[in-house]
Amino acid sequence: MDRVKIKIRCNLCGEKFVLRGKREQDRIETGFKQCLCSNTDDFEIEEQHG
């Protein structure tokens, strides 16, 4: 289980979030559920290195 930094951008309102998560096999769990605009599905997710 590795700790990783994730950048999430909402494709509806443009809000950005930077979170830390845990990599478990092929998934990354951050606990993120929805954007401030109530969007739960339409995100751009990028893993940050360094």
PDB file of N, CA and C in Angstrom:
ATOM      1  N   MET A   1       0.844  -1.168   0.000  1.00  0.00           N
ATOM      2  CA  MET A   1       0.000   0.000   0.000  1.00  0.00           C
ATOM      3  C   MET A   1       0.899   1.244   0.000  1.00  0.00           C
ATOM      4  N   ASP A   2       0.832   2.034  -1.069  1.00  0.00           N
ATOM      5  CA  ASP A   2       1.646   3.238  -1.215  1.00  0.00           C
ATOM      6  C   ASP A   2       0.781   4.484  -1.069  1.00  0.00           C
ATOM      7  N   ARG A   3       1.362   5.564  -0.537  1.00  0.00           N
ATOM      8  CA  ARG A   3       0.687   6.851  -0.456  1.00  0.00           C
ATOM      9  C   ARG A   3       0.992   7.622  -1.737  1.00  0.00           C
ATOM     10  N   VAL A   4      -0.039   8.202  -2.362  1.00  0.00           N
ATOM     11  CA  VAL A   4       0.133   8.960  -3.599  1.00  0.00           C
ATOM     12  C   VAL A   4      -0.628  10.272  -3.510  1.00  0.00           C
ATOM     13  N   LYS A   5      -0.195  11.249  -4.311  1.00  0.00           N
ATOM     14  CA  LYS A   5      -0.852  12.553  -4.373  1.00  0.00           C
ATOM     15  C   LYS A   5      -1.683  12.592  -5.650  1.00  0.00           C
ATOM     16  N   ILE A   6      -2.954  13.005  -5.535  1.00  0.00           N
ATOM     17  CA  ILE A   6      -3.891  12.999  -6.652  1.00  0.00           C
ATOM     18  C   ILE A   6      -4.427  14.407  -6.880  1.00  0.00           C
ATOM     19  N   LYS A   7      -4.475  14.832  -8.147  1.00  0.00           N
ATOM     20  CA  LYS A   7      -5.076  16.110  -8.509  1.00  0.00           C
ATOM     21  C   LYS A   7      -6.393  15.810  -9.219  1.00  0.00           C
ATOM     22  N   ILE A   8      -7.487  16.357  -8.704  1.00  0.00           N
ATOM     23  CA  ILE A   8      -8.817  16.128  -9.267  1.00  0.00           C
ATOM     24  C   ILE A   8      -9.369  17.465  -9.744  1.00  0.00           C
ATOM     25  N   ARG A   9      -9.868  17.513 -10.985  1.00  0.00           N
ATOM     26  CA  ARG A   9     -10.491  18.721 -11.510  1.00  0.00           C
ATOM     27  C   ARG A   9     -11.902  18.388 -11.966  1.00  0.00           C
ATOM     28  N   CYS A  10     -12.864  19.173 -11.497  1.00  0.00           N
ATOM     29  CA  CYS A  10     -14.262  18.976 -11.879  1.00  0.00           C
ATOM     30  C   CYS A  10     -14.468  19.513 -13.289  1.00  0.00           C
ATOM     31  N   ASN A  11     -15.018  18.695 -14.187  1.00  0.00           N
ATOM     32  CA  ASN A  11     -15.265  19.120 -15.554  1.00  0.00           C
ATOM     33  C   ASN A  11     -16.518  19.982 -15.685  1.00  0.00           C
ATOM     34  N   LEU A  12     -17.321  20.100 -14.628  1.00  0.00           N
ATOM     35  CA  LEU A  12     -18.520  20.940 -14.681  1.00  0.00           C
ATOM     36  C   LEU A  12     -18.242  22.375 -14.239  1.00  0.00           C
ATOM     37  N   CYS A  13     -17.600  22.551 -13.079  1.00  0.00           N
ATOM     38  CA  CYS A  13     -17.387  23.906 -12.558  1.00  0.00           C
ATOM     39  C   CYS A  13     -15.927  24.347 -12.586  1.00  0.00           C
ATOM     40  N   GLY A  14     -14.983  23.416 -12.791  1.00  0.00           N
ATOM     41  CA  GLY A  14     -13.571  23.765 -12.867  1.00  0.00           C
ATOM     42  C   GLY A  14     -12.838  23.768 -11.535  1.00  0.00           C
ATOM     43  N   GLU A  15     -13.518  23.467 -10.443  1.00  0.00           N
ATOM     44  CA  GLU A  15     -12.892  23.425  -9.109  1.00  0.00           C
ATOM     45  C   GLU A  15     -11.783  22.374  -9.093  1.00  0.00           C
ATOM     46  N   LYS A  16     -10.676  22.676  -8.398  1.00  0.00           N
ATOM     47  CA  LYS A  16      -9.538  21.753  -8.326  1.00  0.00           C
ATOM     48  C   LYS A  16      -9.317  21.317  -6.893  1.00  0.00           C
ATOM     49  N   PHE A  17      -8.941  20.065  -6.731  1.00  0.00           N
ATOM     50  CA  PHE A  17      -8.649  19.487  -5.428  1.00  0.00           C
ATOM     51  C   PHE A  17      -7.339  18.730  -5.521  1.00  0.00           C
ATOM     52  N   VAL A  18      -6.494  18.834  -4.498  1.00  0.00           N
ATOM     53  CA  VAL A  18      -5.277  18.032  -4.407  1.00  0.00           C
ATOM     54  C   VAL A  18      -5.394  17.221  -3.127  1.00  0.00           C
ATOM     55  N   LEU A  19      -5.381  15.893  -3.272  1.00  0.00           N
ATOM     56  CA  LEU A  19      -5.602  14.991  -2.149  1.00  0.00           C
ATOM     57  C   LEU A  19      -4.504  13.947  -2.070  1.00  0.00           C
ATOM     58  N   ARG A  20      -4.332  13.386  -0.902  1.00  0.00           N
ATOM     59  CA  ARG A  20      -3.449  12.244  -0.732  1.00  0.00           C
ATOM     60  C   ARG A  20      -4.322  11.004  -0.616  1.00  0.00           C
ATOM     61  N   GLY A  21      -3.863   9.925  -1.219  1.00  0.00           N
ATOM     62  CA  GLY A  21      -4.631   8.696  -1.182  1.00  0.00           C
ATOM     63  C   GLY A  21      -3.735   7.492  -1.015  1.00  0.00           C
ATOM     64  N   LYS A  22      -4.359   6.335  -0.929  1.00  0.00           N
ATOM     65  CA  LYS A  22      -3.642   5.070  -0.803  1.00  0.00           C
ATOM     66  C   LYS A  22      -3.852   4.250  -2.065  1.00  0.00           C
ATOM     67  N   ARG A  23      -2.746   3.765  -2.621  1.00  0.00           N
ATOM     68  CA  ARG A  23      -2.827   2.881  -3.793  1.00  0.00           C
ATOM     69  C   ARG A  23      -2.970   1.456  -3.292  1.00  0.00           C
ATOM     70  N   GLU A  24      -4.032   0.791  -3.714  1.00  0.00           N
ATOM     71  CA  GLU A  24      -4.269  -0.605  -3.377  1.00  0.00           C
ATOM     72  C   GLU A  24      -4.493  -1.356  -4.678  1.00  0.00           C
ATOM     73  N   GLN A  25      -3.504  -2.110  -5.104  1.00  0.00           N
ATOM     74  CA  GLN A  25      -3.500  -2.845  -6.369  1.00  0.00           C
ATOM     75  C   GLN A  25      -3.721  -1.863  -7.514  1.00  0.00           C
ATOM     76  N   ASP A  26      -4.861  -1.898  -8.205  1.00  0.00           N
ATOM     77  CA  ASP A  26      -5.084  -1.021  -9.366  1.00  0.00           C
ATOM     78  C   ASP A  26      -6.030   0.144  -9.057  1.00  0.00           C
ATOM     79  N   ARG A  27      -6.322   0.393  -7.773  1.00  0.00           N
ATOM     80  CA  ARG A  27      -7.211   1.487  -7.357  1.00  0.00           C
ATOM     81  C   ARG A  27      -6.462   2.463  -6.459  1.00  0.00           C
ATOM     82  N   ILE A  28      -6.939   3.711  -6.462  1.00  0.00           N
ATOM     83  CA  ILE A  28      -6.423   4.708  -5.523  1.00  0.00           C
ATOM     84  C   ILE A  28      -7.615   5.215  -4.723  1.00  0.00           C
ATOM     85  N   GLU A  29      -7.531   5.086  -3.401  1.00  0.00           N
ATOM     86  CA  GLU A  29      -8.642   5.493  -2.527  1.00  0.00           C
ATOM     87  C   GLU A  29      -8.272   6.791  -1.818  1.00  0.00           C
ATOM     88  N   THR A  30      -9.070   7.853  -2.071  1.00  0.00           N
ATOM     89  CA  THR A  30      -8.837   9.149  -1.437  1.00  0.00           C
ATOM     90  C   THR A  30      -9.965   9.528  -0.484  1.00  0.00           C
ATOM     91  N   GLY A  31     -11.121   8.902  -0.615  1.00  0.00           N
ATOM     92  CA  GLY A  31     -12.272   9.279   0.179  1.00  0.00           C
ATOM     93  C   GLY A  31     -13.088  10.383  -0.477  1.00  0.00           C
ATOM     94  N   PHE A  32     -12.652  10.866  -1.645  1.00  0.00           N
ATOM     95  CA  PHE A  32     -13.354  11.929  -2.361  1.00  0.00           C
ATOM     96  C   PHE A  32     -14.673  11.395  -2.911  1.00  0.00           C
ATOM     97  N   LYS A  33     -15.780  12.089  -2.634  1.00  0.00           N
ATOM     98  CA  LYS A  33     -17.102  11.622  -3.072  1.00  0.00           C
ATOM     99  C   LYS A  33     -17.739  12.527  -4.117  1.00  0.00           C
ATOM    100  N   GLN A  34     -17.690  13.867  -3.906  1.00  0.00           N
ATOM    101  CA  GLN A  34     -18.312  14.767  -4.865  1.00  0.00           C
ATOM    102  C   GLN A  34     -17.709  16.159  -4.762  1.00  0.00           C
ATOM    103  N   CYS A  35     -17.897  16.940  -5.819  1.00  0.00           N
ATOM    104  CA  CYS A  35     -17.430  18.316  -5.883  1.00  0.00           C
ATOM    105  C   CYS A  35     -18.380  19.226  -5.107  1.00  0.00           C
ATOM    106  N   LEU A  36     -17.972  20.459  -4.895  1.00  0.00           N
ATOM    107  CA  LEU A  36     -18.815  21.454  -4.238  1.00  0.00           C
ATOM    108  C   LEU A  36     -20.090  21.735  -5.034  1.00  0.00           C
ATOM    109  N   CYS A  37     -20.062  21.513  -6.356  1.00  0.00           N
ATOM    110  CA  CYS A  37     -21.230  21.751  -7.213  1.00  0.00           C
ATOM    111  C   CYS A  37     -22.134  20.514  -7.289  1.00  0.00           C
ATOM    112  N   SER A  38     -21.906  19.527  -6.450  1.00  0.00           N
ATOM    113  CA  SER A  38     -22.681  18.275  -6.360  1.00  0.00           C
ATOM    114  C   SER A  38     -22.399  17.286  -7.489  1.00  0.00           C
ATOM    115  N   ASN A  39     -21.395  17.533  -8.326  1.00  0.00           N
ATOM    116  CA  ASN A  39     -20.986  16.597  -9.360  1.00  0.00           C
ATOM    117  C   ASN A  39     -20.368  15.364  -8.694  1.00  0.00           C
ATOM    118  N   THR A  40     -20.809  14.178  -9.106  1.00  0.00           N
ATOM    119  CA  THR A  40     -20.247  12.948  -8.547  1.00  0.00           C
ATOM    120  C   THR A  40     -19.568  12.066  -9.603  1.00  0.00           C
ATOM    121  N   ASP A  41     -19.616  12.459 -10.885  1.00  0.00           N
ATOM    122  CA  ASP A  41     -19.153  11.562 -11.952  1.00  0.00           C
ATOM    123  C   ASP A  41     -18.116  12.135 -12.918  1.00  0.00           C
ATOM    124  N   ASP A  42     -18.171  13.421 -13.233  1.00  0.00           N
ATOM    125  CA  ASP A  42     -17.408  13.977 -14.350  1.00  0.00           C
ATOM    126  C   ASP A  42     -16.153  14.707 -13.866  1.00  0.00           C
ATOM    127  N   PHE A  43     -15.044  13.947 -13.703  1.00  0.00           N
ATOM    128  CA  PHE A  43     -13.796  14.504 -13.187  1.00  0.00           C
ATOM    129  C   PHE A  43     -12.624  14.140 -14.074  1.00  0.00           C
ATOM    130  N   GLU A  44     -11.602  14.977 -14.032  1.00  0.00           N
ATOM    131  CA  GLU A  44     -10.305  14.666 -14.630  1.00  0.00           C
ATOM    132  C   GLU A  44      -9.381  14.366 -13.464  1.00  0.00           C
ATOM    133  N   ILE A  45      -8.826  13.169 -13.424  1.00  0.00           N
ATOM    134  CA  ILE A  45      -8.011  12.726 -12.296  1.00  0.00           C
ATOM    135  C   ILE A  45      -6.594  12.453 -12.781  1.00  0.00           C
ATOM    136  N   GLU A  46      -5.622  13.034 -12.069  1.00  0.00           N
ATOM    137  CA  GLU A  46      -4.224  12.895 -12.456  1.00  0.00           C
ATOM    138  C   GLU A  46      -3.385  12.548 -11.224  1.00  0.00           C
ATOM    139  N   GLU A  47      -2.543  11.548 -11.363  1.00  0.00           N
ATOM    140  CA  GLU A  47      -1.621  11.197 -10.283  1.00  0.00           C
ATOM    141  C   GLU A  47      -0.393  12.083 -10.390  1.00  0.00           C
ATOM    142  N   GLN A  48       0.010  12.703  -9.278  1.00  0.00           N
ATOM    143  CA  GLN A  48       1.148  13.598  -9.277  1.00  0.00           C
ATOM    144  C   GLN A  48       2.361  12.879  -8.715  1.00  0.00           C
ATOM    145  N   HIS A  49       3.499  13.061  -9.365  1.00  0.00           N
ATOM    146  CA  HIS A  49       4.730  12.422  -8.927  1.00  0.00           C
ATOM    147  C   HIS A  49       5.657  13.471  -8.344  1.00  0.00           C
ATOM    148  N   GLY A  50       6.389  13.088  -7.305  1.00  0.00           N
ATOM    149  CA  GLY A  50       7.404  13.967  -6.761  1.00  0.00           C
ATOM    150  C   GLY A  50       7.042  14.764  -5.617  1.00  0.00           C
TER     151      GLY A  50
END
